[in-house]
Amino acid sequence: HLFTLFEEIVMDTQMNVDPTNAQPVADLNALTMTGTLVQDPELLTGAAGELVAVVMLAVEGRLHASPWGTTIRHTYFIHAWGLGPIAEWLATMPAGTRVRILGSLDYLYRSNAPTSAERVVLSIHIDELARHA
């Protein structure tokens, strides 16, 4: 479902500057999205002792025509996580908070997952975070 959502999202590319004066290259892994926290953030401690906040976001896709002549909108559920100050700020946000994030595709490793298939989850590493009105 995550890949389907990313096909729908217009990705805001960030420009990486190359010190060799080459042309800037778009970071194709960067994305910006707005979603709603489905539940309160899960707070963990990282390997180096830093605070990690894991959230589940509900993100609405674009409207699409249905086979019945109406329009439908899919909702996607996505894991996202942040470290340090971003994790501290996420910790203050209850379920239902709308946020806008700038981040990149990454993997989330969950050692306490009930099955080995759920231990590694495609997710978004949050680089920047803002409340969305």
N, C-alpha and C. Protein backbone atom coordinates (compact mmCIF):
# COMPACT_ATOMS: atom_id res chain seq x y z
N HIS A 1 0.82 -1.20 0.00
CA HIS A 1 0.00 0.00 0.00
C HIS A 1 0.86 1.26 0.00
N LEU A 2 2.03 1.20 0.63
CA LEU A 2 2.89 2.37 0.71
C LEU A 2 3.36 2.79 -0.67
N PHE A 3 3.73 1.83 -1.52
CA PHE A 3 4.19 2.18 -2.86
C PHE A 3 3.05 2.79 -3.68
N THR A 4 1.83 2.30 -3.51
CA THR A 4 0.69 2.86 -4.22
C THR A 4 0.49 4.31 -3.82
N LEU A 5 0.62 4.59 -2.53
CA LEU A 5 0.47 5.96 -2.07
C LEU A 5 1.54 6.85 -2.68
N PHE A 6 2.78 6.39 -2.73
CA PHE A 6 3.86 7.21 -3.25
C PHE A 6 3.70 7.48 -4.74
N GLU A 7 3.00 6.60 -5.44
CA GLU A 7 2.70 6.88 -6.84
C GLU A 7 1.73 8.04 -6.94
N GLU A 8 0.87 8.23 -5.93
CA GLU A 8 -0.12 9.30 -5.95
C GLU A 8 0.44 10.63 -5.49
N ILE A 9 1.42 10.60 -4.63
CA ILE A 9 1.92 11.83 -4.02
C ILE A 9 2.84 12.56 -4.99
N VAL A 10 2.66 13.85 -5.06
CA VAL A 10 3.61 14.66 -5.81
C VAL A 10 4.76 14.92 -4.87
N MET A 11 5.89 14.33 -5.17
CA MET A 11 7.02 14.41 -4.25
C MET A 11 7.72 15.75 -4.39
N ASP A 12 7.96 16.38 -3.26
CA ASP A 12 8.74 17.60 -3.23
C ASP A 12 10.20 17.18 -3.15
N THR A 13 10.94 17.46 -4.20
CA THR A 13 12.34 17.04 -4.20
C THR A 13 13.19 18.10 -3.54
N GLN A 14 14.18 17.64 -2.84
CA GLN A 14 15.16 18.54 -2.25
C GLN A 14 16.38 18.51 -3.15
N MET A 15 17.06 19.60 -3.23
CA MET A 15 18.24 19.64 -4.08
C MET A 15 19.48 19.43 -3.23
N ASN A 16 20.28 18.46 -3.63
CA ASN A 16 21.56 18.22 -2.97
C ASN A 16 22.62 18.99 -3.72
N VAL A 17 23.47 19.69 -3.01
CA VAL A 17 24.52 20.47 -3.64
C VAL A 17 25.80 19.67 -3.62
N ASP A 18 26.39 19.54 -4.79
CA ASP A 18 27.64 18.81 -4.95
C ASP A 18 28.78 19.81 -4.89
N PRO A 19 29.74 19.63 -3.95
CA PRO A 19 30.83 20.61 -3.83
C PRO A 19 31.73 20.67 -5.05
N THR A 20 31.61 19.75 -5.99
CA THR A 20 32.45 19.77 -7.20
C THR A 20 31.86 20.68 -8.27
N ASN A 21 30.84 21.45 -7.92
CA ASN A 21 30.16 22.38 -8.82
C ASN A 21 29.39 21.69 -9.93
N ALA A 22 29.06 20.43 -9.75
CA ALA A 22 28.21 19.74 -10.71
C ALA A 22 26.78 20.24 -10.54
N GLN A 23 25.95 19.97 -11.53
CA GLN A 23 24.55 20.36 -11.44
C GLN A 23 23.90 19.71 -10.22
N PRO A 24 23.01 20.42 -9.50
CA PRO A 24 22.31 19.81 -8.36
C PRO A 24 21.45 18.62 -8.84
N VAL A 25 21.36 17.63 -7.99
CA VAL A 25 20.59 16.43 -8.31
C VAL A 25 19.40 16.35 -7.36
N ALA A 26 18.23 16.05 -7.90
CA ALA A 26 17.04 15.92 -7.06
C ALA A 26 17.15 14.67 -6.20
N ASP A 27 16.78 14.79 -4.92
CA ASP A 27 16.76 13.64 -4.02
C ASP A 27 15.43 12.93 -4.23
N LEU A 28 15.46 11.83 -4.98
CA LEU A 28 14.24 11.12 -5.33
C LEU A 28 13.65 10.35 -4.16
N ASN A 29 14.38 10.23 -3.07
CA ASN A 29 13.89 9.53 -1.90
C ASN A 29 13.17 10.48 -0.94
N ALA A 30 13.24 11.78 -1.19
CA ALA A 30 12.61 12.76 -0.30
C ALA A 30 11.13 12.90 -0.62
N LEU A 31 10.33 13.11 0.41
CA LEU A 31 8.91 13.31 0.20
C LEU A 31 8.34 14.20 1.28
N THR A 32 7.22 14.80 0.95
CA THR A 32 6.47 15.61 1.90
C THR A 32 5.05 15.07 1.90
N MET A 33 4.50 14.87 3.09
CA MET A 33 3.13 14.37 3.16
C MET A 33 2.45 14.90 4.40
N THR A 34 1.12 14.96 4.33
CA THR A 34 0.30 15.38 5.44
C THR A 34 -0.60 14.21 5.83
N GLY A 35 -0.69 13.97 7.13
CA GLY A 35 -1.53 12.87 7.61
C GLY A 35 -1.98 13.13 9.03
N THR A 36 -2.77 12.21 9.53
CA THR A 36 -3.32 12.29 10.88
C THR A 36 -2.77 11.15 11.71
N LEU A 37 -2.32 11.46 12.93
CA LEU A 37 -1.84 10.41 13.81
C LEU A 37 -3.01 9.51 14.20
N VAL A 38 -2.87 8.23 13.94
CA VAL A 38 -3.94 7.27 14.20
C VAL A 38 -4.01 6.92 15.68
N GLN A 39 -2.87 6.91 16.35
CA GLN A 39 -2.80 6.58 17.77
C GLN A 39 -1.70 7.43 18.40
N ASP A 40 -1.65 7.44 19.72
CA ASP A 40 -0.58 8.18 20.38
C ASP A 40 0.77 7.59 19.97
N PRO A 41 1.82 8.42 19.89
CA PRO A 41 3.14 7.93 19.49
C PRO A 41 3.66 6.85 20.44
N GLU A 42 4.36 5.90 19.89
CA GLU A 42 5.04 4.86 20.67
C GLU A 42 6.45 5.37 20.91
N LEU A 43 6.86 5.44 22.16
CA LEU A 43 8.19 5.96 22.50
C LEU A 43 9.12 4.82 22.83
N LEU A 44 10.30 4.83 22.20
CA LEU A 44 11.30 3.79 22.39
C LEU A 44 12.65 4.44 22.67
N THR A 45 13.59 3.63 23.07
CA THR A 45 14.96 4.10 23.25
C THR A 45 15.82 3.44 22.18
N GLY A 46 16.56 4.26 21.43
CA GLY A 46 17.42 3.75 20.37
C GLY A 46 18.66 3.08 20.93
N ALA A 47 19.45 2.49 20.05
CA ALA A 47 20.67 1.77 20.45
C ALA A 47 21.67 2.67 21.16
N ALA A 48 21.70 3.95 20.79
CA ALA A 48 22.63 4.89 21.42
C ALA A 48 21.99 5.63 22.59
N GLY A 49 20.80 5.21 23.01
CA GLY A 49 20.12 5.83 24.14
C GLY A 49 19.24 7.01 23.79
N GLU A 50 19.12 7.34 22.50
CA GLU A 50 18.31 8.47 22.08
C GLU A 50 16.83 8.09 22.06
N LEU A 51 15.98 9.10 22.19
CA LEU A 51 14.54 8.88 22.15
C LEU A 51 14.11 8.66 20.70
N VAL A 52 13.27 7.66 20.48
CA VAL A 52 12.70 7.37 19.16
C VAL A 52 11.18 7.37 19.31
N ALA A 53 10.49 8.10 18.44
CA ALA A 53 9.03 8.10 18.44
C ALA A 53 8.56 7.46 17.14
N VAL A 54 7.67 6.48 17.27
CA VAL A 54 7.10 5.78 16.11
C VAL A 54 5.62 6.13 16.07
N VAL A 55 5.15 6.55 14.91
CA VAL A 55 3.75 6.91 14.75
C VAL A 55 3.16 6.16 13.55
N MET A 56 1.85 6.05 13.59
CA MET A 56 1.10 5.51 12.45
C MET A 56 0.27 6.67 11.91
N LEU A 57 0.46 6.98 10.64
CA LEU A 57 -0.26 8.07 9.99
C LEU A 57 -1.35 7.54 9.07
N ALA A 58 -2.48 8.20 9.06
CA ALA A 58 -3.51 7.96 8.06
C ALA A 58 -3.37 9.06 7.02
N VAL A 59 -3.15 8.67 5.77
CA VAL A 59 -2.95 9.62 4.69
C VAL A 59 -3.98 9.35 3.61
N GLU A 60 -4.69 10.39 3.21
CA GLU A 60 -5.70 10.23 2.17
C GLU A 60 -5.08 10.34 0.79
N GLY A 61 -5.46 9.42 -0.09
CA GLY A 61 -5.01 9.46 -1.47
C GLY A 61 -5.87 10.43 -2.29
N ARG A 62 -5.61 10.48 -3.57
CA ARG A 62 -6.39 11.33 -4.48
C ARG A 62 -7.74 10.68 -4.78
N LEU A 63 -8.66 11.50 -5.24
CA LEU A 63 -9.95 10.97 -5.68
C LEU A 63 -9.77 10.22 -7.00
N HIS A 64 -10.42 9.06 -7.11
CA HIS A 64 -10.36 8.24 -8.31
C HIS A 64 -11.77 7.87 -8.72
N ALA A 65 -11.98 7.69 -10.01
CA ALA A 65 -13.27 7.22 -10.48
C ALA A 65 -13.44 5.76 -10.11
N SER A 66 -14.62 5.40 -9.65
CA SER A 66 -14.91 4.01 -9.33
C SER A 66 -15.61 3.36 -10.52
N PRO A 67 -15.68 2.04 -10.54
CA PRO A 67 -16.38 1.35 -11.63
C PRO A 67 -17.88 1.67 -11.66
N TRP A 68 -18.42 2.23 -10.59
CA TRP A 68 -19.86 2.52 -10.50
C TRP A 68 -20.20 3.94 -10.88
N GLY A 69 -19.23 4.69 -11.39
CA GLY A 69 -19.49 6.06 -11.82
C GLY A 69 -19.39 7.09 -10.72
N THR A 70 -18.94 6.71 -9.54
CA THR A 70 -18.74 7.66 -8.45
C THR A 70 -17.23 7.85 -8.25
N THR A 71 -16.88 8.69 -7.33
CA THR A 71 -15.46 8.86 -7.01
C THR A 71 -15.20 8.27 -5.62
N ILE A 72 -14.01 7.73 -5.46
CA ILE A 72 -13.61 7.16 -4.18
C ILE A 72 -12.23 7.68 -3.81
N ARG A 73 -11.95 7.64 -2.53
CA ARG A 73 -10.64 8.07 -2.02
C ARG A 73 -10.16 6.99 -1.07
N HIS A 74 -8.97 6.49 -1.31
CA HIS A 74 -8.39 5.48 -0.42
C HIS A 74 -7.64 6.16 0.72
N THR A 75 -7.65 5.53 1.87
CA THR A 75 -6.84 5.99 3.00
C THR A 75 -5.73 4.97 3.21
N TYR A 76 -4.51 5.46 3.34
CA TYR A 76 -3.34 4.61 3.52
C TYR A 76 -2.81 4.79 4.94
N PHE A 77 -2.34 3.72 5.54
CA PHE A 77 -1.76 3.77 6.89
C PHE A 77 -0.28 3.51 6.77
N ILE A 78 0.51 4.45 7.30
CA ILE A 78 1.95 4.44 7.10
C ILE A 78 2.67 4.63 8.43
N HIS A 79 3.72 3.84 8.65
CA HIS A 79 4.58 4.05 9.81
C HIS A 79 5.56 5.17 9.51
N ALA A 80 5.85 5.97 10.51
CA ALA A 80 6.88 7.00 10.40
C ALA A 80 7.58 7.09 11.75
N TRP A 81 8.84 7.52 11.74
CA TRP A 81 9.58 7.60 12.99
C TRP A 81 10.55 8.77 12.95
N GLY A 82 10.83 9.29 14.15
CA GLY A 82 11.76 10.40 14.29
C GLY A 82 12.64 10.20 15.50
N LEU A 83 13.78 10.88 15.50
CA LEU A 83 14.76 10.79 16.59
C LEU A 83 14.92 12.13 17.30
N GLY A 84 15.45 12.08 18.50
CA GLY A 84 15.86 13.28 19.24
C GLY A 84 14.76 14.30 19.39
N PRO A 85 15.03 15.57 18.98
CA PRO A 85 14.04 16.64 19.15
C PRO A 85 12.72 16.37 18.42
N ILE A 86 12.78 15.73 17.27
CA ILE A 86 11.54 15.40 16.55
C ILE A 86 10.73 14.40 17.36
N ALA A 87 11.41 13.41 17.95
CA ALA A 87 10.73 12.42 18.79
C ALA A 87 10.12 13.09 20.02
N GLU A 88 10.83 14.03 20.61
CA GLU A 88 10.31 14.74 21.78
C GLU A 88 9.04 15.51 21.43
N TRP A 89 9.03 16.15 20.26
CA TRP A 89 7.86 16.91 19.85
C TRP A 89 6.71 15.97 19.51
N LEU A 90 7.00 14.87 18.82
CA LEU A 90 5.95 13.89 18.52
C LEU A 90 5.33 13.34 19.81
N ALA A 91 6.13 13.19 20.84
CA ALA A 91 5.64 12.65 22.11
C ALA A 91 4.55 13.51 22.73
N THR A 92 4.49 14.79 22.35
CA THR A 92 3.48 15.70 22.89
C THR A 92 2.19 15.71 22.07
N MET A 93 2.17 14.98 20.96
CA MET A 93 1.03 15.02 20.04
C MET A 93 0.14 13.80 20.25
N PRO A 94 -1.12 14.02 20.61
CA PRO A 94 -2.04 12.89 20.79
C PRO A 94 -2.60 12.39 19.45
N ALA A 95 -3.24 11.25 19.49
CA ALA A 95 -3.94 10.72 18.32
C ALA A 95 -4.91 11.77 17.81
N GLY A 96 -5.05 11.87 16.50
CA GLY A 96 -5.94 12.86 15.90
C GLY A 96 -5.23 14.12 15.45
N THR A 97 -3.98 14.30 15.85
CA THR A 97 -3.21 15.48 15.45
C THR A 97 -2.83 15.36 13.97
N ARG A 98 -3.06 16.43 13.20
CA ARG A 98 -2.64 16.44 11.79
C ARG A 98 -1.24 17.02 11.71
N VAL A 99 -0.38 16.33 10.98
CA VAL A 99 1.01 16.75 10.85
C VAL A 99 1.42 16.75 9.39
N ARG A 100 2.40 17.56 9.10
CA ARG A 100 3.04 17.59 7.78
C ARG A 100 4.48 17.21 8.01
N ILE A 101 4.96 16.22 7.27
CA ILE A 101 6.33 15.77 7.48
C ILE A 101 7.13 15.85 6.19
N LEU A 102 8.40 16.12 6.36
CA LEU A 102 9.38 16.03 5.29
C LEU A 102 10.29 14.89 5.72
N GLY A 103 10.46 13.92 4.88
CA GLY A 103 11.27 12.78 5.26
C GLY A 103 11.74 12.00 4.06
N SER A 104 12.13 10.76 4.33
CA SER A 104 12.62 9.89 3.28
C SER A 104 12.20 8.46 3.58
N LEU A 105 12.07 7.66 2.52
CA LEU A 105 11.75 6.26 2.71
C LEU A 105 12.87 5.57 3.46
N ASP A 106 12.50 4.72 4.37
CA ASP A 106 13.47 4.01 5.19
C ASP A 106 12.81 2.75 5.70
N TYR A 107 13.52 2.01 6.51
CA TYR A 107 12.97 0.83 7.15
C TYR A 107 12.95 1.03 8.65
N LEU A 108 11.95 0.48 9.29
CA LEU A 108 11.81 0.52 10.74
C LEU A 108 11.97 -0.91 11.23
N TYR A 109 12.95 -1.12 12.11
CA TYR A 109 13.17 -2.45 12.67
C TYR A 109 12.51 -2.52 14.03
N ARG A 110 11.62 -3.50 14.21
CA ARG A 110 10.89 -3.66 15.46
C ARG A 110 11.23 -5.02 16.05
N SER A 111 12.12 -5.04 17.00
CA SER A 111 12.59 -6.31 17.58
C SER A 111 11.49 -7.03 18.36
N ASN A 112 10.48 -6.28 18.83
CA ASN A 112 9.41 -6.89 19.63
C ASN A 112 8.19 -7.30 18.80
N ALA A 113 8.31 -7.31 17.48
CA ALA A 113 7.17 -7.68 16.62
C ALA A 113 6.80 -9.14 16.84
N PRO A 114 5.51 -9.46 16.75
CA PRO A 114 5.05 -10.83 17.02
C PRO A 114 5.56 -11.87 16.02
N THR A 115 5.82 -11.46 14.77
CA THR A 115 6.33 -12.41 13.78
C THR A 115 7.55 -11.81 13.09
N SER A 116 8.38 -12.67 12.53
CA SER A 116 9.58 -12.18 11.85
C SER A 116 9.21 -11.34 10.62
N ALA A 117 8.08 -11.62 9.98
CA ALA A 117 7.65 -10.84 8.82
C ALA A 117 7.31 -9.40 9.20
N GLU A 118 6.97 -9.14 10.46
CA GLU A 118 6.58 -7.80 10.90
C GLU A 118 7.75 -7.03 11.53
N ARG A 119 8.93 -7.64 11.59
CA ARG A 119 10.06 -6.98 12.26
C ARG A 119 10.62 -5.81 11.46
N VAL A 120 10.62 -5.94 10.15
CA VAL A 120 11.13 -4.86 9.30
C VAL A 120 9.97 -4.31 8.49
N VAL A 121 9.70 -3.02 8.68
CA VAL A 121 8.55 -2.38 8.05
C VAL A 121 9.04 -1.19 7.22
N LEU A 122 8.56 -1.10 5.97
CA LEU A 122 8.85 0.08 5.17
C LEU A 122 8.18 1.27 5.84
N SER A 123 8.92 2.34 6.04
CA SER A 123 8.39 3.48 6.77
C SER A 123 9.02 4.77 6.27
N ILE A 124 8.71 5.85 6.96
CA ILE A 124 9.28 7.16 6.62
C ILE A 124 10.11 7.64 7.79
N HIS A 125 11.34 7.99 7.52
CA HIS A 125 12.20 8.62 8.53
C HIS A 125 11.90 10.12 8.47
N ILE A 126 11.42 10.69 9.56
CA ILE A 126 11.02 12.10 9.58
C ILE A 126 12.25 12.99 9.79
N ASP A 127 12.47 13.90 8.84
CA ASP A 127 13.56 14.87 8.95
C ASP A 127 13.06 16.20 9.49
N GLU A 128 11.85 16.58 9.09
CA GLU A 128 11.22 17.83 9.56
C GLU A 128 9.75 17.56 9.83
N LEU A 129 9.21 18.27 10.82
CA LEU A 129 7.85 18.03 11.26
C LEU A 129 7.17 19.36 11.54
N ALA A 130 5.89 19.45 11.18
CA ALA A 130 5.09 20.64 11.49
C ALA A 130 3.66 20.22 11.74
N ARG A 131 3.00 20.91 12.67
CA ARG A 131 1.55 20.68 12.84
C ARG A 131 0.85 21.26 11.63
N HIS A 132 -0.20 20.62 11.20
CA HIS A 132 -0.94 21.07 10.04
C HIS A 132 -2.35 21.46 10.48
N ALA A 133 -2.78 22.62 10.07
CA ALA A 133 -4.10 23.11 10.49
C ALA A 133 -5.23 22.39 9.79
